[in-house]
Amino acid sequence: MSSKTNKEHTYKVLFHNQGQIFEVYAKNIYQSDLYGFVEVEDYVFGNHSQMLIDPAEDKLRSEFEGVQRSFIPMHSIVRIDEVEKEGVAKITSNGGEKVTPFPLPMPKDKK
């Protein structure tokens, strides 16, 4: 149990953004003080010392370059996993075949 508490956590976050699903890795994730948002800090991207660079990961790296903290709406989050080590960050198109948005309550008319 003590080895788990000393270990640094890494999280894989999947969320919707402008019709695409972003998969990013981060060290810190928590509920925001802004109601309805999740805060994501300390993004982790692959090592630049590799000979091959994945263009999708490079696009994400440039998009989140200089970002200290992101506030992601809770309804945009698809999934958050704690993982052993980071993988390749990527953007996939949301064809809608496998991901269904969470239903939102519709207000009723009070006539």
PDB file of N, CA and C in Angstrom:
ATOM      1  N   MET A   1       0.824  -1.187   0.000  1.00  0.00           N
ATOM      2  CA  MET A   1       0.000   0.000   0.000  1.00  0.00           C
ATOM      3  C   MET A   1       0.870   1.252   0.000  1.00  0.00           C
ATOM      4  N   SER A   2       1.959   1.258   0.744  1.00  0.00           N
ATOM      5  CA  SER A   2       2.804   2.448   0.806  1.00  0.00           C
ATOM      6  C   SER A   2       3.511   2.707  -0.517  1.00  0.00           C
ATOM      7  N   SER A   3       3.801   1.637  -1.289  1.00  0.00           N
ATOM      8  CA  SER A   3       4.439   1.848  -2.588  1.00  0.00           C
ATOM      9  C   SER A   3       3.492   2.576  -3.544  1.00  0.00           C
ATOM     10  N   LYS A   4       2.184   2.353  -3.387  1.00  0.00           N
ATOM     11  CA  LYS A   4       1.222   3.024  -4.242  1.00  0.00           C
ATOM     12  C   LYS A   4       1.104   4.502  -3.888  1.00  0.00           C
ATOM     13  N   THR A   5       1.210   4.858  -2.627  1.00  0.00           N
ATOM     14  CA  THR A   5       1.093   6.253  -2.229  1.00  0.00           C
ATOM     15  C   THR A   5       2.329   7.048  -2.615  1.00  0.00           C
ATOM     16  N   ASN A   6       3.489   6.418  -2.718  1.00  0.00           N
ATOM     17  CA  ASN A   6       4.709   7.104  -3.101  1.00  0.00           C
ATOM     18  C   ASN A   6       4.828   7.267  -4.615  1.00  0.00           C
ATOM     19  N   LYS A   7       4.071   6.509  -5.370  1.00  0.00           N
ATOM     20  CA  LYS A   7       4.140   6.522  -6.829  1.00  0.00           C
ATOM     21  C   LYS A   7       3.464   7.780  -7.372  1.00  0.00           C
ATOM     22  N   GLU A   8       4.073   8.366  -8.411  1.00  0.00           N
ATOM     23  CA  GLU A   8       3.462   9.513  -9.074  1.00  0.00           C
ATOM     24  C   GLU A   8       2.402   9.013 -10.041  1.00  0.00           C
ATOM     25  N   HIS A   9       1.241   9.620 -10.014  1.00  0.00           N
ATOM     26  CA  HIS A   9       0.120   9.178 -10.839  1.00  0.00           C
ATOM     27  C   HIS A   9       0.179   9.798 -12.227  1.00  0.00           C
ATOM     28  N   THR A  10      -0.297   9.047 -13.203  1.00  0.00           N
ATOM     29  CA  THR A  10      -0.475   9.535 -14.563  1.00  0.00           C
ATOM     30  C   THR A  10      -1.892   9.181 -14.984  1.00  0.00           C
ATOM     31  N   TYR A  11      -2.574  10.144 -15.589  1.00  0.00           N
ATOM     32  CA  TYR A  11      -3.961   9.953 -15.977  1.00  0.00           C
ATOM     33  C   TYR A  11      -4.121  10.119 -17.487  1.00  0.00           C
ATOM     34  N   LYS A  12      -4.956   9.269 -18.065  1.00  0.00           N
ATOM     35  CA  LYS A  12      -5.337   9.396 -19.468  1.00  0.00           C
ATOM     36  C   LYS A  12      -6.731  10.008 -19.484  1.00  0.00           C
ATOM     37  N   VAL A  13      -6.878  11.130 -20.203  1.00  0.00           N
ATOM     38  CA  VAL A  13      -8.144  11.850 -20.252  1.00  0.00           C
ATOM     39  C   VAL A  13      -8.650  11.864 -21.689  1.00  0.00           C
ATOM     40  N   LEU A  14      -9.860  11.401 -21.896  1.00  0.00           N
ATOM     41  CA  LEU A  14     -10.519  11.469 -23.198  1.00  0.00           C
ATOM     42  C   LEU A  14     -11.669  12.449 -23.077  1.00  0.00           C
ATOM     43  N   PHE A  15     -11.705  13.445 -23.986  1.00  0.00           N
ATOM     44  CA  PHE A  15     -12.782  14.419 -23.943  1.00  0.00           C
ATOM     45  C   PHE A  15     -13.127  14.907 -25.347  1.00  0.00           C
ATOM     46  N   HIS A  16     -14.383  15.354 -25.499  1.00  0.00           N
ATOM     47  CA  HIS A  16     -14.870  15.905 -26.767  1.00  0.00           C
ATOM     48  C   HIS A  16     -14.394  17.342 -26.896  1.00  0.00           C
ATOM     49  N   ASN A  17     -13.947  17.709 -28.110  1.00  0.00           N
ATOM     50  CA  ASN A  17     -13.571  19.087 -28.392  1.00  0.00           C
ATOM     51  C   ASN A  17     -13.802  19.352 -29.876  1.00  0.00           C
ATOM     52  N   GLN A  18     -14.792  20.172 -30.191  1.00  0.00           N
ATOM     53  CA  GLN A  18     -15.106  20.586 -31.552  1.00  0.00           C
ATOM     54  C   GLN A  18     -15.255  19.403 -32.519  1.00  0.00           C
ATOM     55  N   GLY A  19     -16.062  18.430 -32.138  1.00  0.00           N
ATOM     56  CA  GLY A  19     -16.358  17.296 -32.998  1.00  0.00           C
ATOM     57  C   GLY A  19     -15.276  16.232 -33.047  1.00  0.00           C
ATOM     58  N   GLN A  20     -14.262  16.353 -32.217  1.00  0.00           N
ATOM     59  CA  GLN A  20     -13.190  15.362 -32.160  1.00  0.00           C
ATOM     60  C   GLN A  20     -13.024  14.884 -30.724  1.00  0.00           C
ATOM     61  N   ILE A  21     -12.367  13.728 -30.585  1.00  0.00           N
ATOM     62  CA  ILE A  21     -12.061  13.215 -29.250  1.00  0.00           C
ATOM     63  C   ILE A  21     -10.561  13.352 -29.024  1.00  0.00           C
ATOM     64  N   PHE A  22     -10.204  14.085 -27.997  1.00  0.00           N
ATOM     65  CA  PHE A  22      -8.808  14.287 -27.631  1.00  0.00           C
ATOM     66  C   PHE A  22      -8.435  13.271 -26.567  1.00  0.00           C
ATOM     67  N   GLU A  23      -7.280  12.652 -26.727  1.00  0.00           N
ATOM     68  CA  GLU A  23      -6.730  11.746 -25.718  1.00  0.00           C
ATOM     69  C   GLU A  23      -5.405  12.340 -25.265  1.00  0.00           C
ATOM     70  N   VAL A  24      -5.355  12.792 -24.019  1.00  0.00           N
ATOM     71  CA  VAL A  24      -4.151  13.423 -23.489  1.00  0.00           C
ATOM     72  C   VAL A  24      -3.769  12.746 -22.174  1.00  0.00           C
ATOM     73  N   TYR A  25      -2.527  12.933 -21.787  1.00  0.00           N
ATOM     74  CA  TYR A  25      -2.019  12.384 -20.537  1.00  0.00           C
ATOM     75  C   TYR A  25      -1.583  13.537 -19.645  1.00  0.00           C
ATOM     76  N   ALA A  26      -1.890  13.420 -18.344  1.00  0.00           N
ATOM     77  CA  ALA A  26      -1.575  14.482 -17.406  1.00  0.00           C
ATOM     78  C   ALA A  26      -1.222  13.893 -16.049  1.00  0.00           C
ATOM     79  N   LYS A  27      -0.543  14.695 -15.257  1.00  0.00           N
ATOM     80  CA  LYS A  27      -0.135  14.273 -13.912  1.00  0.00           C
ATOM     81  C   LYS A  27      -1.147  14.660 -12.846  1.00  0.00           C
ATOM     82  N   ASN A  28      -1.895  15.745 -13.054  1.00  0.00           N
ATOM     83  CA  ASN A  28      -2.842  16.224 -12.043  1.00  0.00           C
ATOM     84  C   ASN A  28      -4.200  16.499 -12.658  1.00  0.00           C
ATOM     85  N   ILE A  29      -5.231  15.938 -12.027  1.00  0.00           N
ATOM     86  CA  ILE A  29      -6.613  16.152 -12.445  1.00  0.00           C
ATOM     87  C   ILE A  29      -7.456  16.275 -11.185  1.00  0.00           C
ATOM     88  N   TYR A  30      -8.316  17.289 -11.155  1.00  0.00           N
ATOM     89  CA  TYR A  30      -9.197  17.434 -10.010  1.00  0.00           C
ATOM     90  C   TYR A  30     -10.404  18.276 -10.373  1.00  0.00           C
ATOM     91  N   GLN A  31     -11.410  18.224  -9.495  1.00  0.00           N
ATOM     92  CA  GLN A  31     -12.628  18.993  -9.710  1.00  0.00           C
ATOM     93  C   GLN A  31     -12.302  20.461  -9.510  1.00  0.00           C
ATOM     94  N   SER A  32     -12.788  21.295 -10.405  1.00  0.00           N
ATOM     95  CA  SER A  32     -12.488  22.717 -10.378  1.00  0.00           C
ATOM     96  C   SER A  32     -13.376  23.460  -9.396  1.00  0.00           C
ATOM     97  N   ASP A  33     -12.908  24.637  -8.983  1.00  0.00           N
ATOM     98  CA  ASP A  33     -13.749  25.537  -8.198  1.00  0.00           C
ATOM     99  C   ASP A  33     -14.835  26.155  -9.077  1.00  0.00           C
ATOM    100  N   LEU A  34     -14.595  26.174 -10.394  1.00  0.00           N
ATOM    101  CA  LEU A  34     -15.624  26.600 -11.334  1.00  0.00           C
ATOM    102  C   LEU A  34     -16.617  25.451 -11.475  1.00  0.00           C
ATOM    103  N   TYR A  35     -17.835  25.665 -11.113  1.00  0.00           N
ATOM    104  CA  TYR A  35     -18.826  24.606 -11.097  1.00  0.00           C
ATOM    105  C   TYR A  35     -18.981  23.967 -12.470  1.00  0.00           C
ATOM    106  N   GLY A  36     -18.904  22.638 -12.527  1.00  0.00           N
ATOM    107  CA  GLY A  36     -19.125  21.894 -13.757  1.00  0.00           C
ATOM    108  C   GLY A  36     -17.886  21.685 -14.607  1.00  0.00           C
ATOM    109  N   PHE A  37     -16.705  21.986 -14.083  1.00  0.00           N
ATOM    110  CA  PHE A  37     -15.473  21.831 -14.839  1.00  0.00           C
ATOM    111  C   PHE A  37     -14.495  20.901 -14.126  1.00  0.00           C
ATOM    112  N   VAL A  38     -13.645  20.254 -14.910  1.00  0.00           N
ATOM    113  CA  VAL A  38     -12.555  19.436 -14.402  1.00  0.00           C
ATOM    114  C   VAL A  38     -11.264  20.138 -14.798  1.00  0.00           C
ATOM    115  N   GLU A  39     -10.334  20.282 -13.850  1.00  0.00           N
ATOM    116  CA  GLU A  39      -9.048  20.923 -14.135  1.00  0.00           C
ATOM    117  C   GLU A  39      -8.011  19.865 -14.470  1.00  0.00           C
ATOM    118  N   VAL A  40      -7.268  20.103 -15.539  1.00  0.00           N
ATOM    119  CA  VAL A  40      -6.209  19.203 -15.979  1.00  0.00           C
ATOM    120  C   VAL A  40      -4.915  20.008 -15.999  1.00  0.00           C
ATOM    121  N   GLU A  41      -3.887  19.513 -15.287  1.00  0.00           N
ATOM    122  CA  GLU A  41      -2.595  20.202 -15.200  1.00  0.00           C
ATOM    123  C   GLU A  41      -1.465  19.245 -15.526  1.00  0.00           C
ATOM    124  N   ASP A  42      -0.322  19.803 -15.861  1.00  0.00           N
ATOM    125  CA  ASP A  42       0.919  19.049 -16.085  1.00  0.00           C
ATOM    126  C   ASP A  42       0.751  17.992 -17.173  1.00  0.00           C
ATOM    127  N   TYR A  43       0.494  18.466 -18.387  1.00  0.00           N
ATOM    128  CA  TYR A  43       0.363  17.554 -19.533  1.00  0.00           C
ATOM    129  C   TYR A  43       1.673  16.814 -19.768  1.00  0.00           C
ATOM    130  N   VAL A  44       1.550  15.551 -20.198  1.00  0.00           N
ATOM    131  CA  VAL A  44       2.709  14.708 -20.482  1.00  0.00           C
ATOM    132  C   VAL A  44       2.638  14.297 -21.948  1.00  0.00           C
ATOM    133  N   PHE A  45       3.713  14.578 -22.675  1.00  0.00           N
ATOM    134  CA  PHE A  45       3.808  14.171 -24.072  1.00  0.00           C
ATOM    135  C   PHE A  45       5.043  13.314 -24.240  1.00  0.00           C
ATOM    136  N   GLY A  46       5.113  12.588 -25.360  1.00  0.00           N
ATOM    137  CA  GLY A  46       6.228  11.686 -25.627  1.00  0.00           C
ATOM    138  C   GLY A  46       7.569  12.386 -25.620  1.00  0.00           C
ATOM    139  N   ASN A  47       8.607  11.590 -25.622  1.00  0.00           N
ATOM    140  CA  ASN A  47       9.978  12.081 -25.575  1.00  0.00           C
ATOM    141  C   ASN A  47      10.384  12.632 -26.943  1.00  0.00           C
ATOM    142  N   HIS A  48      10.963  13.845 -26.959  1.00  0.00           N
ATOM    143  CA  HIS A  48      11.414  14.460 -28.220  1.00  0.00           C
ATOM    144  C   HIS A  48      12.687  13.837 -28.756  1.00  0.00           C
ATOM    145  N   SER A  49      13.362  12.997 -27.972  1.00  0.00           N
ATOM    146  CA  SER A  49      14.629  12.429 -28.411  1.00  0.00           C
ATOM    147  C   SER A  49      14.447  11.275 -29.401  1.00  0.00           C
ATOM    148  N   GLN A  50      13.211  10.846 -29.627  1.00  0.00           N
ATOM    149  CA  GLN A  50      12.970   9.753 -30.567  1.00  0.00           C
ATOM    150  C   GLN A  50      13.182  10.241 -31.995  1.00  0.00           C
ATOM    151  N   MET A  51      13.579   9.342 -32.857  1.00  0.00           N
ATOM    152  CA  MET A  51      13.795   9.686 -34.255  1.00  0.00           C
ATOM    153  C   MET A  51      12.479   9.952 -34.980  1.00  0.00           C
ATOM    154  N   LEU A  52      11.448   9.184 -34.670  1.00  0.00           N
ATOM    155  CA  LEU A  52      10.152   9.354 -35.314  1.00  0.00           C
ATOM    156  C   LEU A  52       9.229  10.165 -34.419  1.00  0.00           C
ATOM    157  N   ILE A  53       8.558  11.140 -35.007  1.00  0.00           N
ATOM    158  CA  ILE A  53       7.611  11.963 -34.261  1.00  0.00           C
ATOM    159  C   ILE A  53       6.235  11.744 -34.848  1.00  0.00           C
ATOM    160  N   ASP A  54       5.280  11.395 -34.005  1.00  0.00           N
ATOM    161  CA  ASP A  54       3.906  11.182 -34.437  1.00  0.00           C
ATOM    162  C   ASP A  54       3.271  12.547 -34.717  1.00  0.00           C
ATOM    163  N   PRO A  55       2.760  12.786 -35.946  1.00  0.00           N
ATOM    164  CA  PRO A  55       2.193  14.099 -36.267  1.00  0.00           C
ATOM    165  C   PRO A  55       0.979  14.462 -35.411  1.00  0.00           C
ATOM    166  N   ALA A  56       0.153  13.473 -35.044  1.00  0.00           N
ATOM    167  CA  ALA A  56      -1.019  13.753 -34.210  1.00  0.00           C
ATOM    168  C   ALA A  56      -0.590  14.225 -32.832  1.00  0.00           C
ATOM    169  N   GLU A  57       0.409  13.559 -32.263  1.00  0.00           N
ATOM    170  CA  GLU A  57       0.893  13.966 -30.946  1.00  0.00           C
ATOM    171  C   GLU A  57       1.582  15.319 -31.025  1.00  0.00           C
ATOM    172  N   ASP A  58       2.284  15.573 -32.121  1.00  0.00           N
ATOM    173  CA  ASP A  58       2.955  16.847 -32.292  1.00  0.00           C
ATOM    174  C   ASP A  58       1.936  17.983 -32.392  1.00  0.00           C
ATOM    175  N   LYS A  59       0.798  17.729 -33.035  1.00  0.00           N
ATOM    176  CA  LYS A  59      -0.270  18.731 -33.122  1.00  0.00           C
ATOM    177  C   LYS A  59      -0.820  19.044 -31.734  1.00  0.00           C
ATOM    178  N   LEU A  60      -1.053  18.010 -30.946  1.00  0.00           N
ATOM    179  CA  LEU A  60      -1.531  18.218 -29.570  1.00  0.00           C
ATOM    180  C   LEU A  60      -0.491  18.951 -28.729  1.00  0.00           C
ATOM    181  N   ARG A  61       0.758  18.576 -28.896  1.00  0.00           N
ATOM    182  CA  ARG A  61       1.836  19.217 -28.139  1.00  0.00           C
ATOM    183  C   ARG A  61       1.861  20.717 -28.434  1.00  0.00           C
ATOM    184  N   SER A  62       1.731  21.085 -29.719  1.00  0.00           N
ATOM    185  CA  SER A  62       1.754  22.499 -30.080  1.00  0.00           C
ATOM    186  C   SER A  62       0.489  23.215 -29.609  1.00  0.00           C
ATOM    187  N   GLU A  63      -0.659  22.523 -29.607  1.00  0.00           N
ATOM    188  CA  GLU A  63      -1.899  23.143 -29.141  1.00  0.00           C
ATOM    189  C   GLU A  63      -1.857  23.435 -27.643  1.00  0.00           C
ATOM    190  N   PHE A  64      -1.257  22.536 -26.868  1.00  0.00           N
ATOM    191  CA  PHE A  64      -1.213  22.710 -25.417  1.00  0.00           C
ATOM    192  C   PHE A  64       0.104  23.320 -24.936  1.00  0.00           C
ATOM    193  N   GLU A  65       0.944  23.773 -25.855  1.00  0.00           N
ATOM    194  CA  GLU A  65       2.209  24.398 -25.483  1.00  0.00           C
ATOM    195  C   GLU A  65       1.928  25.700 -24.726  1.00  0.00           C
ATOM    196  N   GLY A  66       2.536  25.843 -23.580  1.00  0.00           N
ATOM    197  CA  GLY A  66       2.349  27.031 -22.766  1.00  0.00           C
ATOM    198  C   GLY A  66       1.107  27.008 -21.900  1.00  0.00           C
ATOM    199  N   VAL A  67       0.287  25.969 -21.997  1.00  0.00           N
ATOM    200  CA  VAL A  67      -0.930  25.863 -21.185  1.00  0.00           C
ATOM    201  C   VAL A  67      -0.546  25.332 -19.807  1.00  0.00           C
ATOM    202  N   GLN A  68      -0.871  26.094 -18.787  1.00  0.00           N
ATOM    203  CA  GLN A  68      -0.578  25.656 -17.426  1.00  0.00           C
ATOM    204  C   GLN A  68      -1.695  24.783 -16.872  1.00  0.00           C
ATOM    205  N   ARG A  69      -2.947  25.135 -17.224  1.00  0.00           N
ATOM    206  CA  ARG A  69      -4.098  24.421 -16.680  1.00  0.00           C
ATOM    207  C   ARG A  69      -5.242  24.539 -17.669  1.00  0.00           C
ATOM    208  N   SER A  70      -5.967  23.447 -17.874  1.00  0.00           N
ATOM    209  CA  SER A  70      -7.158  23.465 -18.732  1.00  0.00           C
ATOM    210  C   SER A  70      -8.384  23.214 -17.877  1.00  0.00           C
ATOM    211  N   PHE A  71      -9.454  23.919 -18.196  1.00  0.00           N
ATOM    212  CA  PHE A  71     -10.743  23.720 -17.543  1.00  0.00           C
ATOM    213  C   PHE A  71     -11.648  23.075 -18.582  1.00  0.00           C
ATOM    214  N   ILE A  72     -11.957  21.805 -18.388  1.00  0.00           N
ATOM    215  CA  ILE A  72     -12.752  21.042 -19.344  1.00  0.00           C
ATOM    216  C   ILE A  72     -14.139  20.823 -18.754  1.00  0.00           C
ATOM    217  N   PRO A  73     -15.207  21.166 -19.496  1.00  0.00           N
ATOM    218  CA  PRO A  73     -16.559  20.941 -18.968  1.00  0.00           C
ATOM    219  C   PRO A  73     -16.788  19.459 -18.680  1.00  0.00           C
ATOM    220  N   MET A  74     -17.450  19.182 -17.560  1.00  0.00           N
ATOM    221  CA  MET A  74     -17.685  17.790 -17.161  1.00  0.00           C
ATOM    222  C   MET A  74     -18.436  17.000 -18.218  1.00  0.00           C
ATOM    223  N   HIS A  75     -19.380  17.631 -18.911  1.00  0.00           N
ATOM    224  CA  HIS A  75     -20.171  16.899 -19.908  1.00  0.00           C
ATOM    225  C   HIS A  75     -19.356  16.579 -21.162  1.00  0.00           C
ATOM    226  N   SER A  76     -18.154  17.159 -21.306  1.00  0.00           N
ATOM    227  CA  SER A  76     -17.287  16.840 -22.443  1.00  0.00           C
ATOM    228  C   SER A  76     -16.377  15.651 -22.166  1.00  0.00           C
ATOM    229  N   ILE A  77     -16.215  15.307 -20.902  1.00  0.00           N
ATOM    230  CA  ILE A  77     -15.329  14.207 -20.515  1.00  0.00           C
ATOM    231  C   ILE A  77     -15.972  12.882 -20.910  1.00  0.00           C
ATOM    232  N   VAL A  78     -15.209  12.074 -21.632  1.00  0.00           N
ATOM    233  CA  VAL A  78     -15.668  10.734 -21.988  1.00  0.00           C
ATOM    234  C   VAL A  78     -15.201   9.757 -20.916  1.00  0.00           C
ATOM    235  N   ARG A  79     -13.928   9.892 -20.522  1.00  0.00           N
ATOM    236  CA  ARG A  79     -13.355   8.916 -19.595  1.00  0.00           C
ATOM    237  C   ARG A  79     -12.050   9.446 -19.020  1.00  0.00           C
ATOM    238  N   ILE A  80     -11.771   9.087 -17.768  1.00  0.00           N
ATOM    239  CA  ILE A  80     -10.486   9.384 -17.128  1.00  0.00           C
ATOM    240  C   ILE A  80      -9.976   8.079 -16.526  1.00  0.00           C
ATOM    241  N   ASP A  81      -8.760   7.684 -16.926  1.00  0.00           N
ATOM    242  CA  ASP A  81      -8.151   6.462 -16.412  1.00  0.00           C
ATOM    243  C   ASP A  81      -6.829   6.792 -15.741  1.00  0.00           C
ATOM    244  N   GLU A  82      -6.540   6.118 -14.625  1.00  0.00           N
ATOM    245  CA  GLU A  82      -5.201   6.181 -14.047  1.00  0.00           C
ATOM    246  C   GLU A  82      -4.400   5.065 -14.708  1.00  0.00           C
ATOM    247  N   VAL A  83      -3.257   5.405 -15.303  1.00  0.00           N
ATOM    248  CA  VAL A  83      -2.473   4.434 -16.057  1.00  0.00           C
ATOM    249  C   VAL A  83      -1.075   4.297 -15.459  1.00  0.00           C
ATOM    250  N   GLU A  84      -0.420   3.191 -15.797  1.00  0.00           N
ATOM    251  CA  GLU A  84       0.941   2.931 -15.316  1.00  0.00           C
ATOM    252  C   GLU A  84       1.948   3.900 -15.925  1.00  0.00           C
ATOM    253  N   LYS A  85       1.833   4.113 -17.247  1.00  0.00           N
ATOM    254  CA  LYS A  85       2.736   5.039 -17.927  1.00  0.00           C
ATOM    255  C   LYS A  85       1.981   5.695 -19.066  1.00  0.00           C
ATOM    256  N   GLU A  86       2.487   6.851 -19.494  1.00  0.00           N
ATOM    257  CA  GLU A  86       1.789   7.581 -20.547  1.00  0.00           C
ATOM    258  C   GLU A  86       1.950   6.891 -21.887  1.00  0.00           C
ATOM    259  N   GLY A  87       0.971   7.077 -22.729  1.00  0.00           N
ATOM    260  CA  GLY A  87       0.994   6.544 -24.082  1.00  0.00           C
ATOM    261  C   GLY A  87       1.112   7.685 -25.071  1.00  0.00           C
ATOM    262  N   VAL A  88       0.641   7.467 -26.267  1.00  0.00           N
ATOM    263  CA  VAL A  88       0.712   8.478 -27.318  1.00  0.00           C
ATOM    264  C   VAL A  88      -0.560   9.309 -27.273  1.00  0.00           C
ATOM    265  N   ALA A  89      -0.416  10.615 -27.113  1.00  0.00           N
ATOM    266  CA  ALA A  89      -1.561  11.514 -27.160  1.00  0.00           C
ATOM    267  C   ALA A  89      -2.043  11.594 -28.600  1.00  0.00           C
ATOM    268  N   LYS A  90      -3.371  11.660 -28.776  1.00  0.00           N
ATOM    269  CA  LYS A  90      -3.888  11.666 -30.146  1.00  0.00           C
ATOM    270  C   LYS A  90      -5.247  12.332 -30.218  1.00  0.00           C
ATOM    271  N   ILE A  91      -5.622  12.677 -31.441  1.00  0.00           N
ATOM    272  CA  ILE A  91      -6.935  13.230 -31.739  1.00  0.00           C
ATOM    273  C   ILE A  91      -7.607  12.271 -32.708  1.00  0.00           C
ATOM    274  N   THR A  92      -8.840  11.873 -32.398  1.00  0.00           N
ATOM    275  CA  THR A  92      -9.592  11.014 -33.304  1.00  0.00           C
ATOM    276  C   THR A  92     -10.899  11.716 -33.647  1.00  0.00           C
ATOM    277  N   SER A  93     -11.405  11.424 -34.834  1.00  0.00           N
ATOM    278  CA  SER A  93     -12.673  12.034 -35.220  1.00  0.00           C
ATOM    279  C   SER A  93     -13.800  11.324 -34.502  1.00  0.00           C
ATOM    280  N   ASN A  94     -14.816  12.075 -34.194  1.00  0.00           N
ATOM    281  CA  ASN A  94     -15.973  11.514 -33.507  1.00  0.00           C
ATOM    282  C   ASN A  94     -17.047  11.247 -34.539  1.00  0.00           C
ATOM    283  N   GLY A  95     -17.027  10.039 -35.084  1.00  0.00           N
ATOM    284  CA  GLY A  95     -18.040   9.660 -36.054  1.00  0.00           C
ATOM    285  C   GLY A  95     -19.375   9.387 -35.400  1.00  0.00           C
ATOM    286  N   GLY A  96     -19.385   9.285 -34.084  1.00  0.00           N
ATOM    287  CA  GLY A  96     -20.616   9.057 -33.359  1.00  0.00           C
ATOM    288  C   GLY A  96     -21.025   7.600 -33.276  1.00  0.00           C
ATOM    289  N   GLU A  97     -20.239   6.702 -33.873  1.00  0.00           N
ATOM    290  CA  GLU A  97     -20.633   5.297 -33.866  1.00  0.00           C
ATOM    291  C   GLU A  97     -20.530   4.681 -32.481  1.00  0.00           C
ATOM    292  N   LYS A  98     -19.514   5.051 -31.727  1.00  0.00           N
ATOM    293  CA  LYS A  98     -19.255   4.368 -30.469  1.00  0.00           C
ATOM    294  C   LYS A  98     -19.450   5.247 -29.248  1.00  0.00           C
ATOM    295  N   VAL A  99     -19.546   6.559 -29.429  1.00  0.00           N
ATOM    296  CA  VAL A  99     -19.666   7.458 -28.292  1.00  0.00           C
ATOM    297  C   VAL A  99     -20.992   8.183 -28.372  1.00  0.00           C
ATOM    298  N   THR A 100     -21.793   8.059 -27.335  1.00  0.00           N
ATOM    299  CA  THR A 100     -23.069   8.744 -27.259  1.00  0.00           C
ATOM    300  C   THR A 100     -22.979   9.809 -26.188  1.00  0.00           C
ATOM    301  N   PRO A 101     -23.346  11.059 -26.502  1.00  0.00           N
ATOM    302  CA  PRO A 101     -23.294  12.101 -25.478  1.00  0.00           C
ATOM    303  C   PRO A 101     -24.247  11.798 -24.336  1.00  0.00           C
ATOM    304  N   PHE A 102     -23.880  12.216 -23.158  1.00  0.00           N
ATOM    305  CA  PHE A 102     -24.711  12.030 -21.979  1.00  0.00           C
ATOM    306  C   PHE A 102     -25.986  12.848 -22.149  1.00  0.00           C
ATOM    307  N   PRO A 103     -27.143  12.257 -21.908  1.00  0.00           N
ATOM    308  CA  PRO A 103     -28.387  13.017 -22.093  1.00  0.00           C
ATOM    309  C   PRO A 103     -28.517  14.126 -21.057  1.00  0.00           C
ATOM    310  N   LEU A 104     -28.940  15.288 -21.524  1.00  0.00           N
ATOM    311  CA  LEU A 104     -29.132  16.423 -20.634  1.00  0.00           C
ATOM    312  C   LEU A 104     -30.614  16.582 -20.351  1.00  0.00           C
ATOM    313  N   PRO A 105     -30.975  16.968 -19.128  1.00  0.00           N
ATOM    314  CA  PRO A 105     -32.402  17.152 -18.813  1.00  0.00           C
ATOM    315  C   PRO A 105     -32.947  18.349 -19.579  1.00  0.00           C
ATOM    316  N   MET A 106     -34.139  18.200 -20.096  1.00  0.00           N
ATOM    317  CA  MET A 106     -34.802  19.281 -20.827  1.00  0.00           C
ATOM    318  C   MET A 106     -35.745  20.002 -19.886  1.00  0.00           C
ATOM    319  N   PRO A 107     -35.702  21.333 -19.860  1.00  0.00           N
ATOM    320  CA  PRO A 107     -36.630  22.068 -18.984  1.00  0.00           C
ATOM    321  C   PRO A 107     -38.064  21.919 -19.482  1.00  0.00           C
ATOM    322  N   LYS A 108     -38.987  21.842 -18.543  1.00  0.00           N
ATOM    323  CA  LYS A 108     -40.400  21.688 -18.892  1.00  0.00           C
ATOM    324  C   LYS A 108     -41.097  23.052 -18.815  1.00  0.00           C
ATOM    325  N   ASP A 109     -42.020  23.271 -19.733  1.00  0.00           N
ATOM    326  CA  ASP A 109     -42.800  24.492 -19.705  1.00  0.00           C
ATOM    327  C   ASP A 109     -43.739  24.464 -18.518  1.00  0.00           C
ATOM    328  N   LYS A 110     -43.851  25.576 -17.843  1.00  0.00           N
ATOM    329  CA  LYS A 110     -44.781  25.664 -16.705  1.00  0.00           C
ATOM    330  C   LYS A 110     -45.961  26.537 -17.115  1.00  0.00           C
ATOM    331  N   LYS A 111     -46.776  26.003 -18.001  1.00  0.00           N
ATOM    332  CA  LYS A 111     -47.946  26.757 -18.477  1.00  0.00           C
ATOM    333  C   LYS A 111     -49.178  26.387 -17.708  1.00  0.00           C
TER     334      LYS A 111
END
